[in-house]
Protein backbone atom coordinates (compact mmCIF):
# COMPACT_ATOMS: atom_id res chain seq x y z
CA MET A 1 0.00 0.00 0.00
CA VAL A 2 1.28 3.45 -0.90
CA GLU A 3 0.30 6.17 1.56
CA ARG A 4 0.35 9.85 0.68
CA LEU A 5 0.83 11.15 4.22
CA THR A 6 0.26 14.79 3.33
CA GLY A 7 -3.20 13.97 2.01
CA LEU A 8 -4.06 11.82 5.00
CA GLN A 9 -3.08 14.55 7.42
CA ASN A 10 -5.68 16.83 5.81
CA ILE A 11 -8.56 14.37 6.27
CA ASP A 12 -10.71 14.86 9.36
CA ILE A 13 -12.59 11.58 9.88
CA ARG A 14 -15.19 13.21 12.10
CA ALA A 15 -15.93 15.96 9.59
CA PHE A 16 -16.12 13.38 6.80
CA LEU A 17 -18.70 11.31 8.72
CA ARG A 18 -20.82 14.39 9.38
CA THR A 19 -20.73 15.47 5.74
CA ALA A 20 -21.01 12.12 3.95
CA TYR A 21 -23.85 10.72 6.06
CA ASP A 22 -25.36 13.85 7.61
CA LEU A 23 -24.55 12.35 11.00
CA ARG A 24 -25.40 14.41 14.07
CA ASP A 25 -24.83 11.77 16.74
CA GLU A 26 -21.50 12.94 18.16
CA GLU A 27 -21.09 9.87 20.36
CA LEU A 28 -21.44 7.59 17.31
CA ILE A 29 -19.04 9.78 15.33
CA GLU A 30 -16.44 9.47 18.09
CA ARG A 31 -16.86 5.70 18.35
CA ILE A 32 -16.49 5.17 14.60
CA SER A 33 -13.50 7.53 14.46
CA ALA A 34 -11.77 5.62 17.24
CA ALA A 35 -12.26 2.29 15.44
CA ALA A 36 -11.54 3.47 11.89
CA CYS A 37 -8.39 4.02 9.87
CA LEU A 38 -7.62 5.55 6.48
CA ARG A 39 -5.97 3.60 3.67
CA VAL A 40 -4.66 5.08 0.43
CA PHE A 41 -4.17 3.12 -2.80
CA GLU A 42 -2.36 4.17 -5.94
CA PRO A 43 -3.84 3.77 -9.45
CA ARG A 44 -4.20 0.13 -10.58
CA GLN A 45 -3.42 -1.16 -7.08
CA LEU A 46 -5.47 -4.14 -5.87
CA ILE A 47 -7.66 -3.28 -2.90
CA ALA A 48 -9.30 -6.68 -2.44
CA ASP A 49 -9.62 -9.78 -4.60
CA VAL A 50 -12.47 -12.21 -5.17
CA GLY A 51 -12.42 -14.76 -2.36
CA ASP A 52 -10.57 -12.59 0.16
CA PRO A 53 -12.01 -12.80 3.68
CA ILE A 54 -14.16 -9.84 4.67
CA ARG A 55 -12.36 -8.10 7.51
CA GLU A 56 -13.41 -4.47 7.10
CA VAL A 57 -16.25 -2.21 6.06
CA MET A 58 -14.64 0.08 3.45
CA VAL A 59 -16.18 3.33 2.25
CA ILE A 60 -14.95 5.88 -0.26
CA VAL A 61 -13.43 9.11 1.00
CA SER A 62 -12.04 10.11 -2.39
CA GLY A 63 -11.08 8.56 -5.73
CA THR A 64 -12.63 5.94 -7.99
CA VAL A 65 -12.80 2.19 -7.39
CA ARG A 66 -13.18 -0.37 -10.17
CA VAL A 67 -15.37 -3.34 -9.21
CA TYR A 68 -14.85 -6.60 -11.08
CA PHE A 69 -16.16 -10.16 -11.01
CA LEU A 70 -14.97 -13.49 -12.39
CA ASP A 71 -16.91 -15.26 -15.12
CA HIS A 72 -17.42 -19.04 -15.31
CA GLU A 73 -13.97 -19.44 -16.86
CA GLY A 74 -12.26 -17.38 -14.20
CA VAL A 75 -11.75 -14.34 -16.45
CA THR A 76 -12.26 -10.93 -14.84
CA PHE A 77 -14.80 -8.45 -16.18
CA THR A 78 -15.56 -4.91 -15.04
CA ASP A 79 -18.96 -4.52 -13.41
CA CYS A 80 -18.93 -0.87 -12.38
CA PHE A 81 -16.98 2.07 -11.01
CA LEU A 82 -17.66 3.66 -7.61
CA ARG A 83 -16.84 7.27 -6.76
CA GLN A 84 -19.41 8.79 -4.37
CA PRO A 85 -17.86 9.75 -0.99
CA GLY A 86 -19.32 7.61 1.78
CA TYR A 87 -20.30 4.80 -0.57
CA PRO A 88 -19.50 1.27 0.69
CA VAL A 89 -17.21 -0.44 -1.81
CA ASN A 90 -17.31 -4.00 -0.56
CA THR A 91 -20.19 -6.40 -0.12
CA PRO A 92 -23.02 -5.47 2.28
CA ARG A 93 -22.18 -8.67 4.14
CA LEU A 94 -19.89 -8.37 7.16
CA THR A 95 -18.75 -12.00 7.20
CA GLY A 96 -17.58 -14.56 4.67
CA GLN A 97 -15.59 -13.84 1.53
CA MET A 98 -15.50 -11.12 -1.09
CA GLU A 99 -17.70 -11.95 -4.07
CA CYS A 100 -16.19 -9.14 -6.15
CA GLY A 101 -12.72 -7.70 -6.58
CA LEU A 102 -11.73 -4.08 -6.02
CA GLU A 103 -9.03 -2.11 -7.82
CA ALA A 104 -8.06 1.56 -7.52
CA ALA A 105 -8.86 3.30 -10.82
CA ASP A 106 -7.00 6.42 -9.66
CA TRP A 107 -5.69 7.56 -6.28
CA VAL A 108 -8.19 6.22 -3.76
CA THR A 109 -8.63 6.93 -0.06
CA LEU A 110 -10.87 4.56 1.93
CA LEU A 111 -12.21 4.80 5.45
CA CYS A 112 -11.96 1.30 6.91
CA VAL A 113 -13.72 -0.04 10.00
CA PRO A 114 -13.15 -3.60 11.30
CA ALA A 115 -16.11 -5.79 10.37
CA ASP A 116 -16.06 -7.50 13.78
CA TRP A 117 -16.40 -4.12 15.49
CA PHE A 118 -19.24 -3.14 13.18
CA LEU A 119 -21.07 -6.43 13.80
CA ALA A 120 -20.79 -6.15 17.58
CA GLU A 121 -21.67 -2.46 17.76
CA GLN A 122 -24.73 -2.55 15.52
CA GLU A 123 -26.33 -5.12 17.82
CA LYS A 124 -26.44 -2.57 20.62
CA ASN A 125 -26.41 0.74 18.76
CA SER A 126 -29.50 1.53 16.71
CA ALA A 127 -27.87 4.63 15.21
CA LEU A 128 -25.07 2.51 13.74
CA LEU A 129 -27.61 0.03 12.39
CA LYS A 130 -29.47 2.92 10.71
CA LEU A 131 -26.18 4.06 9.18
CA ARG A 132 -25.56 0.60 7.74
CA LEU A 133 -29.10 0.49 6.35
CA LYS A 134 -28.46 3.87 4.71
CA MET A 135 -25.31 2.47 3.08
CA MET A 136 -27.23 -0.56 1.84
CA ASP A 137 -30.00 1.68 0.48
CA TRP A 138 -27.39 3.64 -1.49
CA ALA A 139 -25.96 0.39 -2.84
CA VAL A 140 -29.34 -0.98 -3.90
CA PHE A 141 -30.31 2.22 -5.71
CA PHE A 142 -26.91 2.55 -7.40
CA HIS A 143 -26.87 -0.98 -8.75
CA TRP A 144 -30.51 -0.82 -9.79
CA ASN A 145 -29.81 2.40 -11.68
CA GLU A 146 -26.83 0.72 -13.34
CA LYS A 147 -29.02 -2.20 -14.41
CA VAL A 148 -31.75 0.06 -15.79
CA SER A 149 -29.27 2.16 -17.78
CA ARG A 150 -27.75 -0.93 -19.41
CA TRP A 151 -31.14 -1.95 -20.73
CA ARG A 152 -32.61 1.46 -21.45
CA LEU A 153 -29.67 3.22 -23.12
CA ASP A 154 -27.94 2.36 -26.38
CA ALA A 155 -24.15 1.95 -26.54
CA PHE A 156 -23.46 5.60 -27.41
CA HIS A 157 -25.56 6.88 -24.52
CA ARG A 158 -23.98 4.38 -22.11
CA TYR A 159 -20.59 5.73 -23.17
CA MET A 160 -21.76 9.33 -22.71
CA ARG A 161 -23.16 8.43 -19.29
CA PHE A 162 -19.81 6.93 -18.31
CA ARG A 163 -18.02 10.13 -19.33
CA ARG A 164 -20.50 12.26 -17.42
CA GLU A 165 -20.48 10.16 -14.26
CA TYR A 166 -16.71 9.65 -14.19
CA PRO A 167 -15.08 12.75 -15.71
CA GLY A 168 -11.39 12.30 -16.44
CA LEU A 169 -11.50 8.52 -16.24
CA ASP A 170 -11.76 7.96 -20.00
CA GLY A 171 -8.17 7.65 -21.17
CA GLN A 172 -6.93 7.09 -17.62
CA VAL A 173 -8.13 3.53 -17.15
CA SER A 174 -7.81 0.66 -19.60
CA SER A 175 -10.13 0.85 -22.61
CA LYS A 176 -10.85 -2.81 -21.95
CA TYR A 177 -12.39 -1.90 -18.59
CA ILE A 178 -14.53 0.84 -20.10
CA ALA A 179 -15.73 -1.44 -22.90
CA GLU A 180 -16.65 -4.15 -20.39
CA TYR A 181 -18.50 -1.64 -18.24
CA ILE A 182 -20.64 -0.24 -21.05
CA GLY A 183 -21.11 -3.69 -22.58
CA VAL A 184 -19.38 -3.37 -25.94
CA ALA A 185 -16.38 -4.91 -27.69
CA PRO A 186 -13.14 -2.86 -27.57
CA GLU A 187 -13.39 -2.11 -31.28
CA SER A 188 -16.91 -0.78 -30.73
CA LEU A 189 -15.58 1.56 -28.06
CA SER A 190 -13.13 2.97 -30.63
CA ARG A 191 -16.08 3.59 -32.95
CA LEU A 192 -18.01 5.38 -30.20
CA ARG A 193 -15.04 7.60 -29.46
CA ARG A 194 -14.70 8.43 -33.15
CA GLU A 195 -18.41 9.21 -33.37
CA LEU A 196 -18.11 11.56 -30.40
CA ARG A 197 -15.08 13.33 -31.90
CA GLU A 198 -16.96 13.85 -35.15
CA LYS A 199 -19.93 15.36 -33.34
CA GLU A 200 -17.63 17.64 -31.37
CA ALA A 201 -15.83 18.72 -34.57
CA GLU A 202 -19.17 19.53 -36.15
CA HIS A 203 -20.30 21.28 -32.96
CA ALA A 204 -23.30 19.01 -33.09
CA PRO A 205 -24.94 18.21 -29.75
CA ALA A 206 -24.92 14.57 -28.75
CA PRO A 207 -28.39 12.99 -28.74
CA ASP A 208 -30.26 13.62 -25.52
CA GLU A 209 -29.80 10.87 -23.00
CA ILE A 210 -32.87 9.18 -21.62
CA LEU A 211 -32.77 10.39 -18.03
CA LEU A 212 -33.07 7.96 -15.19
CA ARG A 213 -34.91 8.85 -12.04
CA GLY A 214 -32.67 10.30 -9.36
């Protein structure tokens, strides 16, 4: 793990918890802060692999995480990218093994809380349980929205949505990952990029995207 100490010194865990989750329970904020630590990962660094034991609840402070799965032949494919501060990046489960893998798409800072601590505390702290339910609600909505967009949008609009949701990531991560995410072959991604360049050269607006409910 590569730590950028200057960046870590500027992160106030308590302030982050208040902002990311709109927490007002100062006792809960203090308890989480005492149990938590910050971890920083450099681009393309593995955060967790499929099958790793679940030891921590990990949430995004900053950066973008690539989530991948293994197909029936053991080949990895990109499922999604996660960027929202406060979003849980690993499985909602607090025991067992990781069902997905996590890789830093750029510089990533995660707030990590031991899963054992979380399990024990939520049994006696209703505020912490509500916080976990809020995280799970975010996860359900995010992945449902991802599923809807894959069926509702054509390839060009899925590519445009990727560029809008993850500005700066196109050209920074592997084209293979982007193609997997939007559900096209790599050569099709090249065509979509060419189509976008042509529209930009002509100053023609891209077709309106079918908006999903927020």
